[in-house]
């Protein structure tokens, strides 16, 4: 097996500890790049704040379900937390949040215009934030319809809206894709 080092740990355990520390730093970098506090992150992920704090510090082990919950809360793929070959998790900080948002149709992804219906500079954090601008005085039959309108009409990112609605970004992206496929007018927006 592995060779025992002077402090009693095997080479394999030492490499694993370095990998866990890099994973934790990467998660921390994603969280802080999105401006989330540890408590906000824990709430979105549905994981206890102390567990996420320990993970970010590279302490202990974690489960795959915790990694997937963290990725969903941040709107990024799990693979963005790990290193493979030359693309080490230590290599570079994550790109800005918008680069991690799942792809949306070109009509939806174009930058917001300067008209009053365009979203604010800061991503919404509450439903009240969404009730301004393009979605003011609107009612929706369901939360998925509200979320899709926030992406397609108010032009917020999928990741930002997924955080507000506390749904996985992939699920919201699916709703947006369904709406785009079923509504020819959505292609022209």
Foldseek 3Di string as FASTA:
>chain_A
DFDQDPVGDGPVVVVVLVQQQLLLCQLVLLCVLLVHDLVLLCVLLVHDSVVNVCSNRSHDDDDPSSLVSSCQLSQADSVSSGDDPPRHSPPDHDDHSLVRFDDAPPLLQDDDDPDQQEADPRQDQEVVSLCDHVNPPHDDPDPLVSLLCCRQPNSDTLSSSCSHVSHGSVVSRVSNVVCVVVDVVSNVD
